């Protein structure tokens, strides 16, 4: 199924994953992959359903974080926050940055900045998207850019998907 995704045939990939899930309904990786493809196709309700199935089959911090991210993408910030909170209390590092992204969706720039800085301090790295988000949050809250080019380690092709990315 995922081979089709890489050649741009997402719907065909979805069909293959559905068939695979019929044969292997307890396979968490298949559920995760189908959720991811549904999200890419903007079929968010279906993405949430598969993310929940993934979480039931592979309980843990990573599946909770993934479901929180899917819910935030769907605009369900309150439900996402309920999943983020225990991860943040455990100081699950990647949850810090994902929480910052979710708060960018609602324009809570000080929270975005605080959690992005905490993530940077714990991981000592920022991707290009992390860097840009923190840069926007810093400008929105302080009027100046906190981030310096030496703070980020990776680059990515810019493909604006949400309001904060379009501000770039």
N, C-alpha and C. Protein backbone atom coordinates (compact mmCIF):
# COMPACT_ATOMS: atom_id res chain seq x y z
N UNK A 1 0.79 -1.21 0.00
CA UNK A 1 0.00 0.00 0.00
C UNK A 1 0.83 1.26 0.00
N UNK A 2 1.89 1.29 0.81
CA UNK A 2 2.68 2.52 0.94
C UNK A 2 3.50 2.81 -0.31
N UNK A 3 3.75 1.78 -1.12
CA UNK A 3 4.48 2.01 -2.37
C UNK A 3 3.68 2.97 -3.24
N UNK A 4 2.37 2.77 -3.31
CA UNK A 4 1.52 3.66 -4.10
C UNK A 4 1.56 5.09 -3.58
N UNK A 5 1.67 5.22 -2.27
CA UNK A 5 1.74 6.56 -1.69
C UNK A 5 2.93 7.31 -2.27
N UNK A 6 4.05 6.65 -2.39
CA UNK A 6 5.27 7.31 -2.85
C UNK A 6 5.22 7.69 -4.32
N UNK A 7 4.33 7.11 -5.09
CA UNK A 7 4.19 7.52 -6.49
C UNK A 7 2.95 8.39 -6.69
N UNK A 8 2.37 8.85 -5.59
CA UNK A 8 1.27 9.80 -5.67
C UNK A 8 -0.10 9.19 -5.87
N UNK A 9 -0.25 7.92 -5.62
CA UNK A 9 -1.55 7.26 -5.79
C UNK A 9 -2.10 6.90 -4.41
N UNK A 10 -2.47 7.93 -3.68
CA UNK A 10 -2.89 7.74 -2.29
C UNK A 10 -4.14 6.88 -2.17
N UNK A 11 -5.11 7.11 -3.04
CA UNK A 11 -6.37 6.36 -2.93
C UNK A 11 -6.15 4.87 -3.17
N UNK A 12 -5.27 4.54 -4.09
CA UNK A 12 -4.95 3.14 -4.35
C UNK A 12 -4.24 2.54 -3.13
N UNK A 13 -3.37 3.33 -2.51
CA UNK A 13 -2.68 2.89 -1.30
C UNK A 13 -3.68 2.63 -0.18
N UNK A 14 -4.66 3.52 -0.04
CA UNK A 14 -5.71 3.33 0.97
C UNK A 14 -6.44 2.02 0.75
N UNK A 15 -6.79 1.73 -0.50
CA UNK A 15 -7.50 0.48 -0.80
C UNK A 15 -6.66 -0.74 -0.42
N UNK A 16 -5.37 -0.70 -0.71
CA UNK A 16 -4.50 -1.82 -0.37
C UNK A 16 -4.37 -1.97 1.15
N UNK A 17 -4.28 -0.86 1.85
CA UNK A 17 -4.20 -0.94 3.31
C UNK A 17 -5.49 -1.47 3.92
N UNK A 18 -6.62 -1.07 3.38
CA UNK A 18 -7.91 -1.60 3.87
C UNK A 18 -7.95 -3.12 3.69
N UNK A 19 -7.50 -3.59 2.52
CA UNK A 19 -7.47 -5.03 2.28
C UNK A 19 -6.54 -5.73 3.26
N UNK A 20 -5.39 -5.13 3.51
CA UNK A 20 -4.43 -5.72 4.46
C UNK A 20 -5.02 -5.78 5.86
N UNK A 21 -5.77 -4.73 6.24
CA UNK A 21 -6.38 -4.71 7.58
C UNK A 21 -7.47 -5.77 7.70
N UNK A 22 -8.17 -6.06 6.61
CA UNK A 22 -9.15 -7.16 6.66
C UNK A 22 -8.46 -8.48 6.99
N UNK A 23 -7.26 -8.65 6.43
CA UNK A 23 -6.51 -9.89 6.67
C UNK A 23 -5.81 -9.88 8.03
N UNK A 24 -5.37 -8.69 8.47
CA UNK A 24 -4.61 -8.55 9.72
C UNK A 24 -5.19 -7.41 10.57
N UNK A 25 -6.39 -7.60 11.10
CA UNK A 25 -7.07 -6.50 11.81
C UNK A 25 -6.35 -6.03 13.08
N UNK A 26 -5.46 -6.82 13.63
CA UNK A 26 -4.76 -6.45 14.86
C UNK A 26 -3.38 -5.86 14.61
N UNK A 27 -3.08 -5.53 13.37
CA UNK A 27 -1.76 -4.99 13.04
C UNK A 27 -1.76 -3.46 13.24
N UNK A 28 -1.06 -3.02 14.26
CA UNK A 28 -1.03 -1.60 14.61
C UNK A 28 -0.37 -0.75 13.52
N UNK A 29 0.67 -1.26 12.90
CA UNK A 29 1.36 -0.50 11.86
C UNK A 29 0.46 -0.19 10.68
N UNK A 30 -0.39 -1.15 10.31
CA UNK A 30 -1.33 -0.92 9.22
C UNK A 30 -2.33 0.17 9.59
N UNK A 31 -2.80 0.14 10.83
CA UNK A 31 -3.76 1.16 11.30
C UNK A 31 -3.12 2.55 11.28
N UNK A 32 -1.88 2.61 11.75
CA UNK A 32 -1.15 3.89 11.73
C UNK A 32 -1.02 4.40 10.29
N UNK A 33 -0.60 3.53 9.39
CA UNK A 33 -0.40 3.93 7.99
C UNK A 33 -1.70 4.40 7.35
N UNK A 34 -2.79 3.69 7.63
CA UNK A 34 -4.08 4.10 7.07
C UNK A 34 -4.52 5.43 7.65
N UNK A 35 -4.32 5.63 8.93
CA UNK A 35 -4.65 6.92 9.55
C UNK A 35 -3.87 8.05 8.88
N UNK A 36 -2.58 7.81 8.69
CA UNK A 36 -1.71 8.81 8.06
C UNK A 36 -2.20 9.15 6.64
N UNK A 37 -2.55 8.14 5.87
CA UNK A 37 -3.03 8.39 4.50
C UNK A 37 -4.36 9.13 4.52
N UNK A 38 -5.26 8.76 5.42
CA UNK A 38 -6.53 9.48 5.52
C UNK A 38 -6.27 10.96 5.85
N UNK A 39 -5.31 11.19 6.73
CA UNK A 39 -4.98 12.58 7.07
C UNK A 39 -4.47 13.32 5.84
N UNK A 40 -3.61 12.68 5.07
CA UNK A 40 -3.09 13.30 3.84
C UNK A 40 -4.19 13.59 2.84
N UNK A 41 -5.23 12.76 2.82
CA UNK A 41 -6.36 12.96 1.92
C UNK A 41 -7.42 13.88 2.52
N UNK A 42 -7.14 14.42 3.70
CA UNK A 42 -8.05 15.31 4.42
C UNK A 42 -9.36 14.62 4.81
N UNK A 43 -9.28 13.33 5.04
CA UNK A 43 -10.41 12.55 5.55
C UNK A 43 -10.20 12.39 7.05
N UNK A 44 -10.38 13.49 7.74
CA UNK A 44 -9.93 13.57 9.13
C UNK A 44 -10.71 12.69 10.09
N UNK A 45 -12.00 12.54 9.90
CA UNK A 45 -12.77 11.67 10.79
C UNK A 45 -12.27 10.23 10.68
N UNK A 46 -12.03 9.78 9.44
CA UNK A 46 -11.50 8.43 9.24
C UNK A 46 -10.08 8.32 9.82
N UNK A 47 -9.31 9.37 9.69
CA UNK A 47 -7.96 9.39 10.25
C UNK A 47 -8.00 9.22 11.77
N UNK A 48 -8.90 9.94 12.42
CA UNK A 48 -9.05 9.83 13.88
C UNK A 48 -9.46 8.41 14.27
N UNK A 49 -10.40 7.82 13.53
CA UNK A 49 -10.85 6.46 13.86
C UNK A 49 -9.69 5.47 13.80
N UNK A 50 -8.87 5.58 12.75
CA UNK A 50 -7.73 4.66 12.61
C UNK A 50 -6.64 4.97 13.64
N UNK A 51 -6.47 6.25 13.98
CA UNK A 51 -5.49 6.61 15.01
C UNK A 51 -5.91 6.02 16.36
N UNK A 52 -7.21 6.01 16.63
CA UNK A 52 -7.70 5.40 17.88
C UNK A 52 -7.46 3.89 17.87
N UNK A 53 -7.71 3.26 16.71
CA UNK A 53 -7.45 1.82 16.59
C UNK A 53 -5.96 1.54 16.80
N UNK A 54 -5.13 2.37 16.22
CA UNK A 54 -3.67 2.23 16.41
C UNK A 54 -3.32 2.32 17.89
N UNK A 55 -3.90 3.28 18.60
CA UNK A 55 -3.64 3.44 20.02
C UNK A 55 -4.10 2.25 20.85
N UNK A 56 -5.23 1.65 20.48
CA UNK A 56 -5.71 0.46 21.19
C UNK A 56 -4.76 -0.72 20.97
N UNK A 57 -4.24 -0.82 19.75
CA UNK A 57 -3.37 -1.96 19.42
C UNK A 57 -1.93 -1.77 19.88
N UNK A 58 -1.51 -0.52 19.99
CA UNK A 58 -0.13 -0.21 20.41
C UNK A 58 -0.16 0.90 21.44
N UNK A 59 -0.71 0.62 22.64
CA UNK A 59 -0.82 1.69 23.64
C UNK A 59 0.56 2.18 24.07
N UNK A 60 0.62 3.47 24.33
CA UNK A 60 1.87 4.05 24.79
C UNK A 60 1.97 5.52 24.43
N UNK A 61 3.09 6.12 24.78
CA UNK A 61 3.27 7.55 24.56
C UNK A 61 3.23 7.92 23.09
N UNK A 62 3.86 7.12 22.24
CA UNK A 62 3.91 7.45 20.81
C UNK A 62 2.53 7.43 20.17
N UNK A 63 1.72 6.43 20.50
CA UNK A 63 0.38 6.37 19.91
C UNK A 63 -0.52 7.47 20.49
N UNK A 64 -0.34 7.81 21.75
CA UNK A 64 -1.11 8.92 22.34
C UNK A 64 -0.73 10.24 21.68
N UNK A 65 0.55 10.42 21.45
CA UNK A 65 1.01 11.64 20.78
C UNK A 65 0.46 11.72 19.37
N UNK A 66 0.46 10.60 18.66
CA UNK A 66 -0.06 10.61 17.29
C UNK A 66 -1.55 10.95 17.27
N UNK A 67 -2.33 10.35 18.16
CA UNK A 67 -3.76 10.65 18.21
C UNK A 67 -3.99 12.12 18.56
N UNK A 68 -3.23 12.65 19.50
CA UNK A 68 -3.35 14.07 19.86
C UNK A 68 -3.07 14.95 18.64
N UNK A 69 -2.06 14.59 17.89
CA UNK A 69 -1.70 15.36 16.69
C UNK A 69 -2.83 15.32 15.65
N UNK A 70 -3.41 14.15 15.44
CA UNK A 70 -4.52 14.01 14.49
C UNK A 70 -5.72 14.81 14.95
N UNK A 71 -6.04 14.73 16.24
CA UNK A 71 -7.17 15.51 16.77
C UNK A 71 -6.93 17.01 16.62
N UNK A 72 -5.71 17.45 16.89
CA UNK A 72 -5.39 18.87 16.74
C UNK A 72 -5.54 19.31 15.29
N UNK A 73 -5.12 18.45 14.37
CA UNK A 73 -5.27 18.75 12.94
C UNK A 73 -6.72 18.89 12.56
N UNK A 74 -7.58 18.12 13.21
CA UNK A 74 -9.01 18.16 12.93
C UNK A 74 -9.69 19.35 13.61
N UNK A 75 -8.93 20.11 14.39
CA UNK A 75 -9.51 21.27 15.07
C UNK A 75 -10.12 20.93 16.42
N UNK A 76 -9.82 19.78 16.95
CA UNK A 76 -10.36 19.36 18.25
C UNK A 76 -9.30 19.59 19.33
N UNK A 77 -9.00 20.86 19.54
CA UNK A 77 -7.92 21.25 20.44
C UNK A 77 -8.15 20.77 21.87
N UNK A 78 -9.40 20.81 22.35
CA UNK A 78 -9.68 20.39 23.73
C UNK A 78 -9.38 18.90 23.93
N UNK A 79 -9.83 18.07 22.98
CA UNK A 79 -9.57 16.63 23.08
C UNK A 79 -8.08 16.35 22.94
N UNK A 80 -7.43 17.08 22.04
CA UNK A 80 -5.98 16.90 21.86
C UNK A 80 -5.23 17.27 23.14
N UNK A 81 -5.64 18.37 23.77
CA UNK A 81 -4.97 18.82 25.00
C UNK A 81 -5.04 17.78 26.11
N UNK A 82 -6.17 17.07 26.19
CA UNK A 82 -6.31 16.01 27.20
C UNK A 82 -5.27 14.90 27.00
N UNK A 83 -4.92 14.64 25.76
CA UNK A 83 -3.91 13.64 25.47
C UNK A 83 -2.49 14.19 25.64
N UNK A 84 -2.32 15.47 25.31
CA UNK A 84 -0.99 16.08 25.44
C UNK A 84 -0.56 16.20 26.90
N UNK A 85 -1.49 16.55 27.80
CA UNK A 85 -1.12 16.87 29.18
C UNK A 85 -0.31 15.78 29.89
N UNK A 86 -0.75 14.51 29.88
CA UNK A 86 0.08 13.50 30.56
C UNK A 86 1.46 13.34 29.93
N UNK A 87 1.54 13.53 28.61
CA UNK A 87 2.84 13.42 27.93
C UNK A 87 3.75 14.58 28.33
N UNK A 88 3.16 15.76 28.47
CA UNK A 88 3.94 16.93 28.88
C UNK A 88 4.40 16.79 30.32
N UNK A 89 3.55 16.23 31.16
CA UNK A 89 3.92 16.02 32.57
C UNK A 89 5.08 15.02 32.69
N UNK A 90 5.15 14.06 31.79
CA UNK A 90 6.25 13.10 31.78
C UNK A 90 7.50 13.67 31.12
N UNK A 91 7.38 14.87 30.54
CA UNK A 91 8.46 15.49 29.77
C UNK A 91 8.84 14.63 28.56
N UNK A 92 7.82 14.06 27.92
CA UNK A 92 8.03 13.35 26.66
C UNK A 92 8.45 14.39 25.62
N UNK A 93 9.70 14.38 25.24
CA UNK A 93 10.32 15.50 24.52
C UNK A 93 9.55 15.91 23.27
N UNK A 94 9.24 14.99 22.39
CA UNK A 94 8.58 15.38 21.14
C UNK A 94 7.19 15.95 21.40
N UNK A 95 6.57 15.59 22.49
CA UNK A 95 5.25 16.14 22.82
C UNK A 95 5.32 17.65 23.02
N UNK A 96 6.45 18.14 23.51
CA UNK A 96 6.59 19.58 23.71
C UNK A 96 6.41 20.34 22.40
N UNK A 97 7.08 19.87 21.35
CA UNK A 97 6.99 20.57 20.07
C UNK A 97 5.64 20.35 19.40
N UNK A 98 5.11 19.14 19.50
CA UNK A 98 3.79 18.88 18.91
C UNK A 98 2.71 19.71 19.59
N UNK A 99 2.83 19.90 20.90
CA UNK A 99 1.90 20.76 21.62
C UNK A 99 2.03 22.20 21.14
N UNK A 100 3.25 22.63 20.92
CA UNK A 100 3.46 23.98 20.38
C UNK A 100 2.78 24.13 19.02
N UNK A 101 2.90 23.13 18.17
CA UNK A 101 2.23 23.18 16.86
C UNK A 101 0.71 23.28 17.03
N UNK A 102 0.16 22.51 17.98
CA UNK A 102 -1.29 22.54 18.18
C UNK A 102 -1.74 23.91 18.66
N UNK A 103 -0.93 24.56 19.48
CA UNK A 103 -1.29 25.89 19.98
C UNK A 103 -1.14 26.95 18.90
N UNK A 104 -0.29 26.71 17.92
CA UNK A 104 -0.19 27.63 16.78
C UNK A 104 -1.49 27.65 16.00
N UNK A 105 -2.19 26.51 15.96
CA UNK A 105 -3.47 26.44 15.26
C UNK A 105 -4.50 27.39 15.86
N UNK A 106 -4.37 27.67 17.16
CA UNK A 106 -5.33 28.56 17.83
C UNK A 106 -4.72 29.93 18.12
N UNK A 107 -3.51 30.17 17.63
CA UNK A 107 -2.88 31.49 17.79
C UNK A 107 -2.41 31.81 19.19
N UNK A 108 -2.12 30.81 20.00
CA UNK A 108 -1.65 31.02 21.36
C UNK A 108 -0.12 31.12 21.34
N UNK A 109 0.38 32.27 20.86
CA UNK A 109 1.79 32.44 20.51
C UNK A 109 2.73 32.36 21.71
N UNK A 110 2.34 32.84 22.86
CA UNK A 110 3.23 32.75 24.02
C UNK A 110 3.42 31.29 24.43
N UNK A 111 2.33 30.52 24.41
CA UNK A 111 2.43 29.09 24.71
C UNK A 111 3.29 28.39 23.68
N UNK A 112 3.09 28.73 22.42
CA UNK A 112 3.91 28.16 21.34
C UNK A 112 5.39 28.41 21.63
N UNK A 113 5.71 29.66 21.91
CA UNK A 113 7.10 30.03 22.17
C UNK A 113 7.66 29.28 23.38
N UNK A 114 6.91 29.26 24.48
CA UNK A 114 7.38 28.60 25.71
C UNK A 114 7.68 27.12 25.48
N UNK A 115 6.75 26.42 24.82
CA UNK A 115 6.95 24.99 24.62
C UNK A 115 8.00 24.69 23.57
N UNK A 116 8.11 25.52 22.56
CA UNK A 116 9.16 25.32 21.56
C UNK A 116 10.54 25.53 22.18
N UNK A 117 10.67 26.51 23.05
CA UNK A 117 11.95 26.74 23.72
C UNK A 117 12.27 25.57 24.66
N UNK A 118 11.26 25.07 25.38
CA UNK A 118 11.48 23.90 26.24
C UNK A 118 11.94 22.70 25.41
N UNK A 119 11.31 22.52 24.25
CA UNK A 119 11.71 21.43 23.37
C UNK A 119 13.17 21.61 22.94
N UNK A 120 13.50 22.81 22.52
CA UNK A 120 14.88 23.08 22.09
C UNK A 120 15.86 22.82 23.22
N UNK A 121 15.54 23.27 24.41
CA UNK A 121 16.43 23.08 25.56
C UNK A 121 16.62 21.59 25.91
N UNK A 122 15.55 20.78 25.74
CA UNK A 122 15.66 19.35 26.05
C UNK A 122 16.33 18.55 24.95
N UNK A 123 16.06 18.93 23.70
CA UNK A 123 16.56 18.12 22.59
C UNK A 123 17.80 18.70 21.93
N UNK A 124 18.00 20.00 22.15
CA UNK A 124 19.13 20.73 21.55
C UNK A 124 19.09 20.69 20.03
N UNK A 125 17.89 20.67 19.47
CA UNK A 125 17.75 20.70 18.02
C UNK A 125 16.38 21.26 17.64
N UNK A 126 16.32 21.78 16.44
CA UNK A 126 15.07 22.24 15.85
C UNK A 126 15.10 21.89 14.37
N UNK A 127 13.99 21.37 13.85
CA UNK A 127 13.90 21.19 12.40
C UNK A 127 13.61 22.56 11.79
N UNK A 128 13.62 22.64 10.49
CA UNK A 128 13.33 23.93 9.84
C UNK A 128 11.92 24.40 10.19
N UNK A 129 10.95 23.46 10.24
CA UNK A 129 9.59 23.86 10.62
C UNK A 129 9.52 24.31 12.07
N UNK A 130 10.24 23.63 12.95
CA UNK A 130 10.30 24.05 14.35
C UNK A 130 10.90 25.44 14.45
N UNK A 131 11.97 25.65 13.73
CA UNK A 131 12.66 26.94 13.70
C UNK A 131 11.71 28.04 13.23
N UNK A 132 11.00 27.79 12.14
CA UNK A 132 10.09 28.79 11.60
C UNK A 132 8.93 29.08 12.55
N UNK A 133 8.39 28.03 13.17
CA UNK A 133 7.30 28.23 14.12
C UNK A 133 7.76 29.07 15.31
N UNK A 134 8.93 28.74 15.85
CA UNK A 134 9.46 29.51 16.98
C UNK A 134 9.77 30.94 16.57
N UNK A 135 10.24 31.12 15.38
CA UNK A 135 10.51 32.46 14.86
C UNK A 135 9.23 33.29 14.80
N UNK A 136 8.17 32.70 14.25
CA UNK A 136 6.88 33.39 14.17
C UNK A 136 6.36 33.71 15.57
N UNK A 137 6.41 32.73 16.47
CA UNK A 137 5.92 32.94 17.84
C UNK A 137 6.70 34.05 18.53
N UNK A 138 8.00 34.09 18.33
CA UNK A 138 8.83 35.13 18.95
C UNK A 138 8.47 36.50 18.42
N UNK A 139 8.28 36.59 17.14
CA UNK A 139 7.92 37.88 16.54
C UNK A 139 6.52 38.30 16.99
N UNK A 140 5.59 37.34 17.05
CA UNK A 140 4.22 37.65 17.48
C UNK A 140 4.18 38.11 18.94
N UNK A 141 5.03 37.55 19.80
CA UNK A 141 4.97 37.87 21.23
C UNK A 141 5.90 39.01 21.62
N UNK A 142 7.10 39.06 21.04
CA UNK A 142 8.11 40.03 21.46
C UNK A 142 8.47 41.06 20.40
N UNK A 143 8.06 40.82 19.17
CA UNK A 143 8.44 41.72 18.09
C UNK A 143 9.85 41.48 17.57
N UNK A 144 10.53 40.46 18.09
CA UNK A 144 11.87 40.14 17.59
C UNK A 144 12.06 38.64 17.54
N UNK A 145 12.98 38.23 16.70
CA UNK A 145 13.21 36.80 16.47
C UNK A 145 14.18 36.25 17.50
N UNK A 146 13.71 35.28 18.30
CA UNK A 146 14.55 34.64 19.30
C UNK A 146 15.55 33.69 18.65
N UNK A 147 15.12 33.06 17.57
CA UNK A 147 15.89 31.99 16.96
C UNK A 147 17.01 32.54 16.08
N UNK A 148 18.13 31.88 16.14
CA UNK A 148 19.27 32.20 15.29
C UNK A 148 19.51 31.00 14.36
N UNK A 149 20.08 31.22 13.19
CA UNK A 149 20.28 30.11 12.26
C UNK A 149 21.03 28.93 12.86
N UNK A 150 21.88 29.15 13.82
CA UNK A 150 22.61 28.05 14.43
C UNK A 150 21.72 27.13 15.26
N UNK A 151 20.48 27.54 15.53
CA UNK A 151 19.58 26.72 16.34
C UNK A 151 18.95 25.56 15.59
N UNK A 152 18.94 25.58 14.28
CA UNK A 152 18.27 24.49 13.59
C UNK A 152 19.26 23.60 12.85
N UNK A 153 18.84 22.37 12.62
CA UNK A 153 19.76 21.38 12.08
C UNK A 153 19.29 20.76 10.77
N UNK A 154 18.04 20.95 10.39
CA UNK A 154 17.54 20.27 9.19
C UNK A 154 16.81 21.25 8.30
N UNK A 155 16.61 20.90 7.09
CA UNK A 155 15.84 21.73 6.18
C UNK A 155 14.73 20.89 5.58
N UNK A 156 13.71 21.56 5.10
CA UNK A 156 12.59 20.86 4.47
C UNK A 156 12.00 21.77 3.41
N UNK A 157 11.40 21.18 2.41
CA UNK A 157 10.70 21.97 1.41
C UNK A 157 9.48 22.60 2.06
N UNK A 158 9.28 23.87 1.84
CA UNK A 158 8.15 24.55 2.46
C UNK A 158 6.90 24.26 1.65
N UNK A 159 5.88 23.76 2.30
CA UNK A 159 4.61 23.43 1.68
C UNK A 159 3.52 23.86 2.65
N UNK A 160 3.11 25.13 2.61
CA UNK A 160 2.16 25.65 3.62
C UNK A 160 0.87 24.85 3.67
N UNK A 161 0.54 24.37 4.88
CA UNK A 161 -0.67 23.60 5.07
C UNK A 161 -1.62 24.26 6.04
N UNK A 162 -1.11 25.12 6.90
CA UNK A 162 -1.98 25.72 7.91
C UNK A 162 -1.73 27.22 7.97
N UNK A 163 -2.54 27.89 8.77
CA UNK A 163 -2.45 29.36 8.85
C UNK A 163 -1.08 29.85 9.26
N UNK A 164 -0.46 29.20 10.27
CA UNK A 164 0.84 29.69 10.72
C UNK A 164 1.90 29.48 9.64
N UNK A 165 1.80 28.40 8.85
CA UNK A 165 2.77 28.18 7.79
C UNK A 165 2.61 29.21 6.67
N UNK A 166 1.40 29.65 6.43
CA UNK A 166 1.15 30.64 5.39
C UNK A 166 1.72 32.00 5.77
N UNK A 167 1.91 32.26 7.07
CA UNK A 167 2.49 33.52 7.51
C UNK A 167 3.93 33.67 7.09
N UNK A 168 4.56 32.56 6.72
CA UNK A 168 5.95 32.59 6.30
C UNK A 168 6.09 33.48 5.08
